[in-house]
């Protein structure tokens, strides 16, 4: 058996002799050939890998400065001293389709299966600020999420659900402030004050310009909307996470892990700076910021990414932005398994992929988790596939015992070296963004978009050359076609029903109240000193539709058109 180095981890002469012998034996090895052999020397993100890692690879690691203990600055090993021993992560399955009534039924099903929190998926017209009967909405109503046109839909969505006890995450960005207003109004109609509401709104408009492309207004006025929302929620909703800065969609667009890490944190710091510029004290809002990351298939790379994210964030928040409250230094994040790693071929394989990705998120210390369903690459998930995805988390939480030790991979030569490399690459990107003058300037120059496009191209080439194997796609394929699989289908009848519903709302409301509320909102949009949120809540309570509210704001701010980058 190999002797362990002594003296606090410093290699002894005997250990160095063992290392020399291993290196000599390793040099005689024959590289693996065949599919996948071209990528054995690098991570999924093309970070070069050694065959084996040892003490020399973490020689610069300072235990107190870089690691400490769980729950201690810089939180590399987690933000809670006892990790999941004290409390499991929140199992929060993303769900939404068709009408509010259909999605409400799915929520009751998920809660009955042991889900701990709700997560709302909105359809494309809602995400883009169009009502369901608008010409731009045709063919898309209820397809990729639930259609929410007005307060009437939000009321139905949470019918029979105690909004004061459940936490809700809403994945919406362009009209995020409107969705928050609808959520507040729906709760208050149940007698639940806004101060009791817990959950998260994504509202990360910067990553829309970078990756997902679901924007409405130009970047600069939209930042004003976001800051207004953060300030309002900070003052009136102490349990609400005011924004969820999202790397998930950056990764889904084709970025590397390091790009996801760097661009997400850069966005987060841009929101911090905008709020501080608006006169907010950093410790008043920073503890309620949250993040949203992708758990991709390269197991150790993902764990290193999560650990590096916490360390970078803690240092920046304390040293650059002067935060004094330790909660302001703690990066809290939700994770979703990688949609882009799922395959239409042999879709059952996606169950296996999701399990490994979920494990990386848990070992990386996530605060909440969504596990994708095996059929999501084909359609919205069925109840059966959603149940399997939730059971994957439950098996992980209650059967594997991985929750019994905090940061069990901490101290691994490889994981610590990879964590350091993730931090180094992120800092290099921060420097490049700073050269542009900041995140918005880099967006306007097309920097992020080009970096992601180049990374996506390199990855696709590696798949086509079979340097990287995708099981069931470019290797281990089968000749027979995929068998029939039950899929959830949204019919044209759903769209007609939702369009009729929004028209009925317009016909039954007080038209005079609607006109007055929209008029006050328009005036507030033109006045940078007037917080928009109270006016949005007034519009929602008057049953203005989302499309009407958005059109009113567009009349002041305009609509954004992206500049093409080649």
Protein backbone atom coordinates (compact mmCIF):
# COMPACT_ATOMS: atom_id res chain seq x y z
CA UNK A 1 0.00 0.00 0.00
CA UNK A 2 1.32 3.48 -0.92
CA UNK A 3 2.58 5.45 2.07
CA UNK A 4 0.77 8.68 2.72
CA UNK A 5 2.78 11.91 2.78
CA UNK A 6 3.33 13.26 6.26
CA UNK A 7 4.19 16.65 7.69
CA UNK A 8 0.84 18.38 7.04
CA UNK A 9 0.53 16.99 3.53
CA UNK A 10 4.07 17.83 2.38
CA UNK A 11 5.60 15.12 0.19
CA UNK A 12 8.30 13.02 1.86
CA UNK A 13 11.31 11.61 -0.04
CA UNK A 14 9.59 8.22 -0.07
CA UNK A 15 6.43 9.75 -1.55
CA UNK A 16 8.48 11.54 -4.22
CA UNK A 17 10.14 8.26 -5.14
CA UNK A 18 6.70 6.69 -5.49
CA UNK A 19 5.66 9.56 -7.72
CA UNK A 20 8.68 9.09 -9.96
CA UNK A 21 7.91 5.39 -10.30
CA UNK A 22 4.29 6.13 -11.18
CA UNK A 23 5.35 8.70 -13.80
CA UNK A 24 7.66 6.15 -15.41
CA UNK A 25 4.91 3.54 -15.51
CA UNK A 26 2.41 6.05 -16.82
CA UNK A 27 4.73 7.05 -19.66
CA UNK A 28 4.59 3.46 -20.97
CA UNK A 29 0.83 3.47 -21.26
CA UNK A 30 -0.97 3.30 -24.59
CA UNK A 31 -3.58 6.01 -25.21
CA UNK A 32 -7.12 4.79 -25.55
CA UNK A 33 -8.43 4.64 -29.11
CA UNK A 34 -11.91 4.69 -30.60
CA UNK A 35 -14.93 6.94 -30.03
CA UNK A 36 -14.46 9.41 -27.22
CA UNK A 37 -10.72 8.97 -27.04
CA UNK A 38 -10.08 12.44 -28.41
CA UNK A 39 -11.50 14.09 -25.29
CA UNK A 40 -9.85 12.15 -22.47
CA UNK A 41 -7.33 14.92 -21.84
CA UNK A 42 -9.78 17.77 -21.23
CA UNK A 43 -13.07 18.60 -19.56
CA UNK A 44 -16.32 19.21 -21.39
CA UNK A 45 -15.31 22.90 -21.41
CA UNK A 46 -11.88 22.11 -22.88
CA UNK A 47 -9.91 22.69 -19.67
CA UNK A 48 -6.74 20.54 -20.06
CA UNK A 49 -6.53 17.59 -17.66
CA UNK A 50 -3.58 15.74 -16.22
CA UNK A 51 -3.71 11.97 -15.86
CA UNK A 52 -3.55 12.24 -12.09
CA UNK A 53 -3.36 15.06 -9.55
CA UNK A 54 -1.20 15.31 -6.47
CA UNK A 55 0.15 17.68 -3.81
CA UNK A 56 2.03 19.84 -6.32
CA UNK A 57 -1.25 20.78 -8.00
CA UNK A 58 -2.53 22.49 -4.87
CA UNK A 59 0.78 23.82 -3.58
CA UNK A 60 -0.57 27.38 -3.65
CA UNK A 61 -3.75 26.46 -1.80
CA UNK A 62 -4.06 28.32 1.50
CA UNK A 63 -6.45 26.37 3.72
CA UNK A 64 -7.62 29.39 5.73
CA UNK A 65 -7.78 31.80 2.79
CA UNK A 66 -9.19 29.49 0.10
CA UNK A 67 -11.13 26.78 1.91
CA UNK A 68 -11.82 27.34 5.61
CA UNK A 69 -14.74 25.23 6.88
CA UNK A 70 -18.36 24.92 5.74
CA UNK A 71 -20.30 27.99 6.77
CA UNK A 72 -17.13 30.09 6.95
CA UNK A 73 -15.85 32.77 4.57
CA UNK A 74 -15.13 32.39 1.64
CA UNK A 75 -17.74 29.58 1.66
CA UNK A 76 -15.92 27.38 -0.85
CA UNK A 77 -17.15 24.38 1.13
CA UNK A 78 -20.73 25.59 1.49
CA UNK A 79 -22.70 28.34 3.18
CA UNK A 80 -24.09 26.21 6.03
CA UNK A 81 -21.90 24.63 8.75
CA UNK A 82 -23.79 21.32 8.71
CA UNK A 83 -24.81 21.28 5.06
CA UNK A 84 -27.74 18.97 4.32
CA UNK A 85 -27.61 17.41 7.78
CA UNK A 86 -29.63 20.35 9.07
CA UNK A 87 -31.91 20.77 6.06
CA UNK A 88 -32.21 19.13 2.65
CA UNK A 89 -32.26 21.19 -0.49
CA UNK A 90 -35.69 22.30 -1.73
CA UNK A 91 -37.04 19.95 -4.39
CA UNK A 92 -38.59 22.43 -6.79
CA UNK A 93 -39.82 20.95 -10.08
CA UNK A 94 -40.33 23.48 -12.87
CA UNK A 95 -43.90 23.14 -14.17
CA UNK A 96 -46.43 24.97 -16.27
CA UNK A 97 -48.45 24.27 -19.41
CA UNK A 98 -51.69 25.16 -21.12
CA UNK A 99 -54.09 27.18 -19.00
CA UNK A 100 -53.82 28.24 -15.38
CA UNK A 101 -56.41 25.60 -14.50
CA UNK A 102 -54.39 22.78 -16.07
CA UNK A 103 -51.19 23.90 -14.36
CA UNK A 104 -52.94 24.30 -11.01
CA UNK A 105 -53.91 20.62 -11.23
CA UNK A 106 -50.25 19.69 -11.92
CA UNK A 107 -49.12 21.71 -8.87
CA UNK A 108 -51.54 19.86 -6.62
CA UNK A 109 -50.20 16.56 -8.04
CA UNK A 110 -46.57 17.53 -7.40
CA UNK A 111 -47.26 18.71 -3.86
CA UNK A 112 -49.04 15.42 -3.16
CA UNK A 113 -45.90 13.54 -4.34
CA UNK A 114 -43.67 15.31 -1.82
CA UNK A 115 -42.43 18.34 -3.74
CA UNK A 116 -41.36 21.13 -1.38
CA UNK A 117 -41.84 24.28 -3.47
CA UNK A 118 -43.44 25.45 -6.71
CA UNK A 119 -41.72 26.72 -9.84
CA UNK A 120 -43.74 28.43 -12.57
CA UNK A 121 -42.95 27.94 -16.25
CA UNK A 122 -44.62 30.57 -18.44
CA UNK A 123 -45.46 30.19 -22.13
CA UNK A 124 -43.66 32.17 -24.82
CA UNK A 125 -46.29 34.90 -25.33
CA UNK A 126 -46.28 35.61 -21.59
CA UNK A 127 -42.48 35.71 -21.53
CA UNK A 128 -42.46 38.17 -24.41
CA UNK A 129 -45.23 40.39 -23.04
CA UNK A 130 -48.06 39.46 -25.43
CA UNK A 131 -51.63 38.55 -24.55
CA UNK A 132 -52.90 35.16 -25.68
CA UNK A 133 -55.18 36.66 -28.33
CA UNK A 134 -52.43 38.80 -29.89
CA UNK A 135 -51.28 37.94 -33.43
CA UNK A 136 -47.72 37.33 -32.16
CA UNK A 137 -49.07 34.64 -29.79
CA UNK A 138 -50.61 32.39 -32.42
CA UNK A 139 -49.46 28.80 -32.19
CA UNK A 140 -47.50 29.33 -28.96
CA UNK A 141 -50.15 29.70 -26.25
CA UNK A 142 -49.56 27.24 -23.43
CA UNK A 143 -46.91 25.33 -25.38
CA UNK A 144 -43.74 25.83 -23.30
CA UNK A 145 -45.44 26.91 -20.09
CA UNK A 146 -48.63 28.33 -18.65
CA UNK A 147 -50.42 31.30 -20.21
CA UNK A 148 -50.89 34.14 -17.71
CA UNK A 149 -52.64 37.15 -19.20
CA UNK A 150 -54.01 38.91 -16.13
CA UNK A 151 -54.64 38.70 -12.41
CA UNK A 152 -57.59 36.43 -13.18
CA UNK A 153 -55.17 33.73 -14.43
CA UNK A 154 -52.81 34.15 -11.46
CA UNK A 155 -55.74 33.68 -9.09
CA UNK A 156 -56.66 30.39 -10.77
CA UNK A 157 -53.03 29.25 -10.89
CA UNK A 158 -52.78 29.29 -7.08
CA UNK A 159 -56.31 28.21 -6.28
CA UNK A 160 -56.33 25.93 -3.23
CA UNK A 161 -52.65 26.64 -2.47
CA UNK A 162 -51.55 28.51 0.65
CA UNK A 163 -49.30 31.19 -0.82
CA UNK A 164 -48.22 32.22 2.68
CA UNK A 165 -46.68 28.80 3.38
CA UNK A 166 -45.41 27.57 0.01
CA UNK A 167 -42.41 29.19 -1.67
CA UNK A 168 -42.75 29.91 -5.36
CA UNK A 169 -40.13 30.49 -8.03
CA UNK A 170 -41.16 32.23 -11.25
CA UNK A 171 -38.97 31.96 -14.32
CA UNK A 172 -39.78 35.12 -16.23
CA UNK A 173 -37.57 38.05 -17.12
CA UNK A 174 -38.87 40.70 -19.50
CA UNK A 175 -42.27 41.10 -17.74
CA UNK A 176 -40.92 39.94 -14.33
CA UNK A 177 -42.06 43.03 -12.45
CA UNK A 178 -45.59 42.49 -13.79
CA UNK A 179 -45.55 38.84 -12.65
CA UNK A 180 -44.49 39.92 -9.14
CA UNK A 181 -47.32 42.45 -9.08
CA UNK A 182 -49.79 39.72 -10.12
CA UNK A 183 -48.45 37.37 -7.45
CA UNK A 184 -48.76 40.04 -4.75
CA UNK A 185 -52.29 40.92 -5.82
CA UNK A 186 -53.39 37.27 -5.94
CA UNK A 187 -52.04 36.67 -2.44
CA UNK A 188 -53.57 39.80 -0.99
CA UNK A 189 -56.97 38.80 -2.38
CA UNK A 190 -56.58 35.66 -0.26
CA UNK A 191 -55.80 37.82 2.76
CA UNK A 192 -52.07 37.01 2.70
CA UNK A 193 -49.91 40.15 3.12
CA UNK A 194 -46.98 40.62 0.76
CA UNK A 195 -44.54 40.53 3.70
CA UNK A 196 -45.39 36.83 4.19
CA UNK A 197 -44.63 35.80 0.62
CA UNK A 198 -41.55 33.67 0.07
CA UNK A 199 -39.98 32.67 -3.21
CA UNK A 200 -37.95 33.97 -6.12
CA UNK A 201 -38.50 35.88 -9.32
CA UNK A 202 -35.86 35.37 -11.99
CA UNK A 203 -35.96 38.88 -13.51
CA UNK A 204 -32.43 38.52 -14.91
CA UNK A 205 -32.79 40.63 -18.02
CA UNK A 206 -29.05 40.88 -18.69
CA UNK A 207 -28.75 37.17 -19.52
CA UNK A 208 -31.65 37.58 -21.93
CA UNK A 209 -29.53 39.93 -24.03
CA UNK A 210 -26.59 37.54 -23.63
CA UNK A 211 -28.27 34.20 -24.29
CA UNK A 212 -32.00 33.50 -24.13
CA UNK A 213 -33.27 36.46 -26.21
CA UNK A 214 -36.60 36.96 -24.42
CA UNK A 215 -36.40 40.71 -23.96
CA UNK A 216 -38.81 43.62 -24.35
CA UNK A 217 -37.18 46.98 -23.58
CA UNK A 218 -33.59 48.11 -24.33
CA UNK A 219 -31.01 47.25 -21.63
CA UNK A 220 -30.67 50.63 -19.92
CA UNK A 221 -34.37 51.37 -19.24
CA UNK A 222 -34.93 47.75 -18.38
CA UNK A 223 -32.25 47.97 -15.69
CA UNK A 224 -34.29 50.81 -14.19
CA UNK A 225 -37.35 48.51 -14.05
CA UNK A 226 -35.32 45.77 -12.34
CA UNK A 227 -33.77 48.13 -9.79
CA UNK A 228 -37.23 49.52 -8.95
CA UNK A 229 -38.48 45.98 -8.39
CA UNK A 230 -35.49 45.03 -6.22
CA UNK A 231 -35.90 48.17 -4.11
CA UNK A 232 -39.64 47.65 -3.66
CA UNK A 233 -39.30 43.97 -2.72
CA UNK A 234 -36.39 44.70 -0.39
CA UNK A 235 -38.52 47.19 1.53
CA UNK A 236 -41.84 45.35 1.52
CA UNK A 237 -41.14 41.62 1.00
CA UNK A 238 -38.40 40.53 3.42
CA UNK A 239 -38.81 36.81 2.64
CA UNK A 240 -38.71 37.27 -1.14
CA UNK A 241 -35.59 36.67 -3.24
CA UNK A 242 -35.68 39.79 -5.38
CA UNK A 243 -33.84 38.41 -8.40
CA UNK A 244 -32.38 35.08 -9.53
CA UNK A 245 -29.30 35.74 -11.63
CA UNK A 246 -29.27 32.93 -14.15
CA UNK A 247 -26.37 31.08 -15.69
CA UNK A 248 -28.63 28.22 -16.72
CA UNK A 249 -29.69 29.76 -20.01
CA UNK A 250 -26.17 30.95 -20.75
CA UNK A 251 -25.05 27.33 -20.52
CA UNK A 252 -28.01 26.09 -22.55
CA UNK A 253 -26.98 28.52 -25.31
CA UNK A 254 -23.66 26.66 -25.61
CA UNK A 255 -21.26 28.29 -23.18
CA UNK A 256 -18.53 26.50 -21.31
CA UNK A 257 -18.72 25.98 -17.55
CA UNK A 258 -16.21 28.78 -17.00
CA UNK A 259 -18.20 31.15 -19.22
CA UNK A 260 -21.40 30.28 -17.37
CA UNK A 261 -19.64 31.00 -14.08
CA UNK A 262 -18.03 34.26 -15.19
CA UNK A 263 -20.92 35.74 -17.16
CA UNK A 264 -23.47 34.91 -14.46
CA UNK A 265 -21.43 36.48 -11.68
CA UNK A 266 -20.64 39.49 -13.88
CA UNK A 267 -24.39 39.99 -14.37
CA UNK A 268 -24.93 39.69 -10.64
CA UNK A 269 -22.28 42.28 -9.87
CA UNK A 270 -23.85 44.60 -12.47
CA UNK A 271 -27.15 44.44 -10.55
CA UNK A 272 -25.31 45.10 -7.29
CA UNK A 273 -23.65 48.17 -8.79
CA UNK A 274 -26.95 49.44 -10.27
CA UNK A 275 -28.73 49.12 -6.92
CA UNK A 276 -25.90 50.86 -5.08
CA UNK A 277 -25.90 53.63 -7.68
CA UNK A 278 -29.63 54.07 -6.99
CA UNK A 279 -28.77 54.78 -3.36
CA UNK A 280 -29.41 51.38 -1.80
CA UNK A 281 -27.10 50.09 0.94
CA UNK A 282 -25.51 46.85 -0.26
CA UNK A 283 -26.40 44.97 2.92
CA UNK A 284 -30.06 45.95 2.57
CA UNK A 285 -30.54 43.95 -0.64
CA UNK A 286 -27.61 41.57 -1.17
CA UNK A 287 -28.83 38.88 1.27
CA UNK A 288 -31.93 38.38 -0.91
CA UNK A 289 -30.08 37.94 -4.20
CA UNK A 290 -30.02 34.38 -5.50
CA UNK A 291 -28.43 32.55 -8.41
CA UNK A 292 -29.45 29.82 -10.83
CA UNK A 293 -26.92 27.44 -12.35
CA UNK A 294 -26.88 24.56 -14.82
CA UNK A 295 -25.74 21.10 -13.72
CA UNK A 296 -24.17 19.65 -16.85
CA UNK A 297 -22.81 16.16 -17.46
CA UNK A 298 -19.08 16.70 -16.70
CA UNK A 299 -19.36 15.64 -13.07
CA UNK A 300 -16.25 17.07 -11.42
CA UNK A 301 -16.19 20.22 -13.56
CA UNK A 302 -19.68 21.12 -12.33
CA UNK A 303 -18.77 20.59 -8.67
CA UNK A 304 -15.69 22.77 -9.09
CA UNK A 305 -17.82 25.45 -10.77
CA UNK A 306 -20.23 25.61 -7.83
CA UNK A 307 -17.41 25.78 -5.30
CA UNK A 308 -15.55 28.47 -7.24
CA UNK A 309 -18.76 30.51 -7.58
CA UNK A 310 -19.18 30.76 -3.83
CA UNK A 311 -15.56 31.77 -3.27
CA UNK A 312 -15.47 34.41 -6.00
CA UNK A 313 -18.78 35.88 -4.88
CA UNK A 314 -17.81 36.10 -1.21
CA UNK A 315 -14.55 37.86 -1.97
CA UNK A 316 -16.08 40.37 -4.36
CA UNK A 317 -19.02 41.21 -2.14
CA UNK A 318 -16.80 41.81 0.88
CA UNK A 319 -13.71 43.32 -0.68
CA UNK A 320 -15.03 45.26 -3.70
CA UNK A 321 -18.56 46.22 -2.65
CA UNK A 322 -17.89 46.61 1.06
CA UNK A 323 -20.68 44.37 2.32
CA UNK A 324 -20.50 43.92 6.09
CA UNK A 325 -23.26 41.36 6.67
CA UNK A 326 -21.97 37.77 6.18
CA UNK A 327 -25.31 36.94 4.51
CA UNK A 328 -24.34 39.39 1.78
CA UNK A 329 -21.23 37.31 1.10
CA UNK A 330 -23.09 34.02 0.77
CA UNK A 331 -23.99 32.92 -2.73
CA UNK A 332 -27.26 30.97 -2.61
CA UNK A 333 -28.27 29.11 -5.74
CA UNK A 334 -30.87 26.92 -7.40
CA UNK A 335 -29.75 24.27 -9.87
CA UNK A 336 -31.44 22.60 -12.82
CA UNK A 337 -30.04 19.61 -14.67
CA UNK A 338 -28.92 20.36 -18.21
CA UNK A 339 -31.66 20.38 -20.80
CA UNK A 340 -29.03 20.58 -23.54
CA UNK A 341 -27.51 17.26 -22.43
CA UNK A 342 -30.80 15.41 -22.96
CA UNK A 343 -31.35 13.49 -26.18
CA UNK A 344 -34.41 12.63 -28.25
CA UNK A 345 -32.73 9.34 -29.15
CA UNK A 346 -33.13 6.66 -26.47
CA UNK A 347 -34.85 9.15 -24.13
CA UNK A 348 -34.73 6.73 -21.19
CA UNK A 349 -30.99 7.43 -21.05
CA UNK A 350 -31.92 10.92 -19.86
CA UNK A 351 -32.99 9.46 -16.51
CA UNK A 352 -29.41 8.32 -15.97
CA UNK A 353 -27.92 11.62 -17.11
CA UNK A 354 -30.19 13.56 -14.78
CA UNK A 355 -29.21 11.41 -11.79
CA UNK A 356 -25.50 12.12 -12.29
CA UNK A 357 -26.12 15.81 -12.87
CA UNK A 358 -28.31 16.04 -9.77
CA UNK A 359 -25.56 14.36 -7.74
CA UNK A 360 -23.05 16.99 -8.89
CA UNK A 361 -25.43 19.76 -7.80
CA UNK A 362 -25.88 18.20 -4.36
CA UNK A 363 -22.15 17.59 -3.87
CA UNK A 364 -21.66 21.19 -5.03
CA UNK A 365 -23.96 22.44 -2.26
CA UNK A 366 -27.09 23.66 -4.07
CA UNK A 367 -29.97 25.19 -2.08
CA UNK A 368 -32.72 23.91 -4.37
CA UNK A 369 -32.90 21.60 -7.35
CA UNK A 370 -35.01 20.81 -10.42
CA UNK A 371 -34.41 17.48 -12.14
CA UNK A 372 -35.44 17.37 -15.79
CA UNK A 373 -37.84 14.74 -17.04
CA UNK A 374 -36.74 12.17 -19.59
CA UNK A 375 -39.22 13.36 -22.24
CA UNK A 376 -38.62 17.14 -22.02
CA UNK A 377 -36.56 17.13 -25.20
CA UNK A 378 -39.66 15.83 -27.01
CA UNK A 379 -42.50 17.69 -25.31
CA UNK A 380 -43.71 19.09 -22.02
CA UNK A 381 -43.31 16.30 -19.44
CA UNK A 382 -46.09 13.89 -18.55
CA UNK A 383 -47.09 13.20 -14.96
CA UNK A 384 -45.26 9.87 -15.06
CA UNK A 385 -41.96 11.37 -16.24
CA UNK A 386 -42.26 14.24 -13.76
CA UNK A 387 -42.76 11.73 -10.96
CA UNK A 388 -39.63 9.81 -12.01
CA UNK A 389 -37.65 13.06 -12.02
CA UNK A 390 -38.86 13.93 -8.53
CA UNK A 391 -38.18 10.40 -7.28
CA UNK A 392 -34.61 10.78 -8.58
CA UNK A 393 -34.11 13.60 -6.09
CA UNK A 394 -35.79 11.68 -3.31
CA UNK A 395 -33.60 8.61 -3.82
CA UNK A 396 -30.57 10.88 -3.82
CA UNK A 397 -31.70 12.62 -0.63
CA UNK A 398 -32.88 9.64 1.41
CA UNK A 399 -31.05 6.55 0.15
CA UNK A 400 -27.53 7.38 -1.02
CA UNK A 401 -26.22 8.98 2.22
CA UNK A 402 -24.38 11.65 0.23
CA UNK A 403 -25.97 14.24 2.51
CA UNK A 404 -24.24 12.91 5.62
CA UNK A 405 -20.94 14.76 5.13
CA UNK A 406 -20.49 18.39 4.05
CA UNK A 407 -18.34 18.91 0.95
CA UNK A 408 -17.03 15.31 0.88
CA UNK A 409 -14.78 16.09 -2.10
CA UNK A 410 -13.10 19.01 -0.34
CA UNK A 411 -9.35 18.48 -0.24
CA UNK A 412 -9.32 16.31 -3.36
CA UNK A 413 -6.23 17.25 -5.33
CA UNK A 414 -8.22 17.22 -8.56
CA UNK A 415 -11.31 19.04 -7.31
CA UNK A 416 -9.30 21.76 -5.58
CA UNK A 417 -7.06 22.27 -8.63
CA UNK A 418 -10.11 22.43 -10.91
CA UNK A 419 -11.84 24.87 -8.54
CA UNK A 420 -8.77 27.11 -8.71
CA UNK A 421 -8.75 26.91 -12.52
CA UNK A 422 -12.43 27.85 -12.67
CA UNK A 423 -11.71 30.89 -10.53
CA UNK A 424 -8.72 31.85 -12.67
CA UNK A 425 -10.73 31.69 -15.91
CA UNK A 426 -13.60 33.65 -14.39
CA UNK A 427 -11.27 36.41 -13.24
CA UNK A 428 -9.79 36.60 -16.74
CA UNK A 429 -13.29 37.12 -18.15
CA UNK A 430 -14.04 39.80 -15.55
CA UNK A 431 -10.98 41.68 -16.77
CA UNK A 432 -12.17 41.47 -20.40
CA UNK A 433 -15.66 42.70 -19.47
CA UNK A 434 -14.11 45.61 -17.59
CA UNK A 435 -12.19 46.60 -20.72
CA UNK A 436 -15.54 47.12 -22.49
CA UNK A 437 -16.69 49.35 -19.64
CA UNK A 438 -19.06 46.88 -18.01
CA UNK A 439 -21.71 44.28 -18.76
CA UNK A 440 -24.13 46.44 -20.74
CA UNK A 441 -21.33 47.83 -22.90
CA UNK A 442 -20.08 44.27 -23.52
CA UNK A 443 -23.61 43.21 -24.48
CA UNK A 444 -23.91 46.11 -26.91
CA UNK A 445 -20.56 45.13 -28.43
CA UNK A 446 -21.68 41.51 -28.85
CA UNK A 447 -18.86 40.15 -26.69
CA UNK A 448 -20.85 37.59 -24.71
CA UNK A 449 -22.79 36.41 -27.72
CA UNK A 450 -19.64 35.75 -29.74
CA UNK A 451 -17.85 33.95 -26.89
CA UNK A 452 -20.81 31.61 -26.44
CA UNK A 453 -21.22 31.02 -30.18
CA UNK A 454 -17.55 30.12 -30.54
CA UNK A 455 -17.70 27.70 -27.59
CA UNK A 456 -20.86 26.09 -28.96
CA UNK A 457 -19.23 25.63 -32.36
CA UNK A 458 -16.16 23.94 -30.83
CA UNK A 459 -18.35 21.56 -28.85
CA UNK A 460 -20.46 20.63 -31.87
CA UNK A 461 -17.33 19.89 -33.88
CA UNK A 462 -16.10 17.55 -31.13
CA UNK A 463 -19.41 15.66 -31.21
CA UNK A 464 -19.45 15.38 -34.99
CA UNK A 465 -15.86 14.10 -35.00
CA UNK A 466 -16.78 11.63 -32.22
CA UNK A 467 -14.06 12.99 -30.00
CA UNK A 468 -16.94 13.25 -27.56
CA UNK A 469 -19.47 10.45 -27.35
CA UNK A 470 -23.16 11.12 -26.82
CA UNK A 471 -24.63 7.73 -26.00
CA UNK A 472 -27.41 6.85 -28.41
CA UNK A 473 -26.61 9.77 -30.73
CA UNK A 474 -23.15 9.36 -32.25
CA UNK A 475 -22.30 5.98 -30.69
CA UNK A 476 -24.15 3.05 -29.15
CA UNK A 477 -27.04 3.79 -31.48
CA UNK A 478 -29.74 1.37 -32.58
CA UNK A 479 -31.39 0.95 -35.94
CA UNK A 480 -34.97 0.72 -34.79
CA UNK A 481 -37.00 3.87 -34.43
CA UNK A 482 -37.98 5.19 -31.03
CA UNK A 483 -41.09 3.40 -29.84
CA UNK A 484 -44.31 5.18 -29.12
CA UNK A 485 -44.05 7.29 -26.00
CA UNK A 486 -46.87 9.04 -24.22
CA UNK A 487 -46.34 12.77 -24.71
CA UNK A 488 -48.21 15.75 -23.34
CA UNK A 489 -49.78 17.68 -26.20
CA UNK A 490 -51.26 21.18 -26.05
CA UNK A 491 -54.13 21.49 -28.50
CA UNK A 492 -55.48 24.40 -30.50
CA UNK A 493 -58.55 24.24 -28.27
CA UNK A 494 -56.37 25.35 -25.35
CA UNK A 495 -55.32 28.45 -27.28
CA UNK A 496 -58.90 29.26 -28.24
CA UNK A 497 -60.01 28.80 -24.62
CA UNK A 498 -57.27 31.10 -23.30
CA UNK A 499 -57.91 33.76 -25.94
CA UNK A 500 -61.61 33.73 -25.05
CA UNK A 501 -60.71 34.01 -21.38
CA UNK A 502 -58.60 37.15 -21.81
CA UNK A 503 -61.33 38.75 -23.93
CA UNK A 504 -63.86 37.99 -21.19
CA UNK A 505 -61.63 39.73 -18.65
CA UNK A 506 -61.51 42.86 -20.80
CA UNK A 507 -65.29 42.89 -21.18
CA UNK A 508 -66.07 42.44 -17.47
CA UNK A 509 -63.69 44.96 -15.87
CA UNK A 510 -64.01 48.68 -15.17
CA UNK A 511 -62.67 50.33 -18.34
CA UNK A 512 -62.29 53.70 -16.65
CA UNK A 513 -60.15 52.21 -13.86
CA UNK A 514 -57.99 50.49 -16.47
CA UNK A 515 -57.38 53.71 -18.41
CA UNK A 516 -56.48 55.65 -15.26
CA UNK A 517 -54.10 52.97 -13.98
CA UNK A 518 -52.31 52.70 -17.33
CA UNK A 519 -52.06 56.48 -17.54
CA UNK A 520 -50.40 56.69 -14.12
CA UNK A 521 -48.00 53.91 -15.12
CA UNK A 522 -47.00 55.76 -18.29
CA UNK A 523 -46.27 58.92 -16.32
CA UNK A 524 -44.18 56.93 -13.81
CA UNK A 525 -42.13 55.35 -16.61
CA UNK A 526 -41.16 58.85 -17.73
CA UNK A 527 -40.18 59.85 -14.18
CA UNK A 528 -37.02 58.02 -13.00
CA UNK A 529 -37.70 59.04 -9.39
CA UNK A 530 -41.08 57.28 -9.26
CA UNK A 531 -40.89 53.58 -8.35
CA UNK A 532 -42.86 51.58 -10.90
CA UNK A 533 -44.01 48.71 -8.67
CA UNK A 534 -46.97 50.43 -6.93
CA UNK A 535 -48.27 51.51 -10.34
CA UNK A 536 -47.88 47.98 -11.72
CA UNK A 537 -49.83 46.59 -8.75
CA UNK A 538 -52.57 49.16 -9.39
CA UNK A 539 -52.74 48.11 -13.05
CA UNK A 540 -52.90 44.43 -12.10
CA UNK A 541 -55.67 45.04 -9.55
CA UNK A 542 -57.65 46.86 -12.25
CA UNK A 543 -57.29 43.65 -14.35
CA UNK A 544 -55.15 45.27 -17.01
CA UNK A 545 -53.69 42.51 -19.14
CA UNK A 546 -49.97 41.92 -19.37
CA UNK A 547 -49.98 42.98 -23.01
CA UNK A 548 -51.64 46.29 -22.18
CA UNK A 549 -49.15 47.00 -19.40
CA UNK A 550 -46.20 46.12 -21.63
CA UNK A 551 -47.48 48.26 -24.51
CA UNK A 552 -47.82 51.21 -22.13
CA UNK A 553 -44.21 50.81 -21.01
CA UNK A 554 -43.01 50.30 -24.58
CA UNK A 555 -44.58 53.64 -25.50
CA UNK A 556 -41.97 55.25 -23.22
CA UNK A 557 -39.01 52.86 -23.42
CA UNK A 558 -39.31 51.37 -26.92
CA UNK A 559 -38.56 47.76 -27.92
CA UNK A 560 -35.08 46.29 -28.17
CA UNK A 561 -33.54 45.02 -31.40
CA UNK A 562 -30.29 43.08 -31.16
CA UNK A 563 -27.29 44.02 -33.22
CA UNK A 564 -26.03 41.05 -35.23
CA UNK A 565 -22.52 39.79 -34.48
CA UNK A 566 -20.53 37.56 -36.82
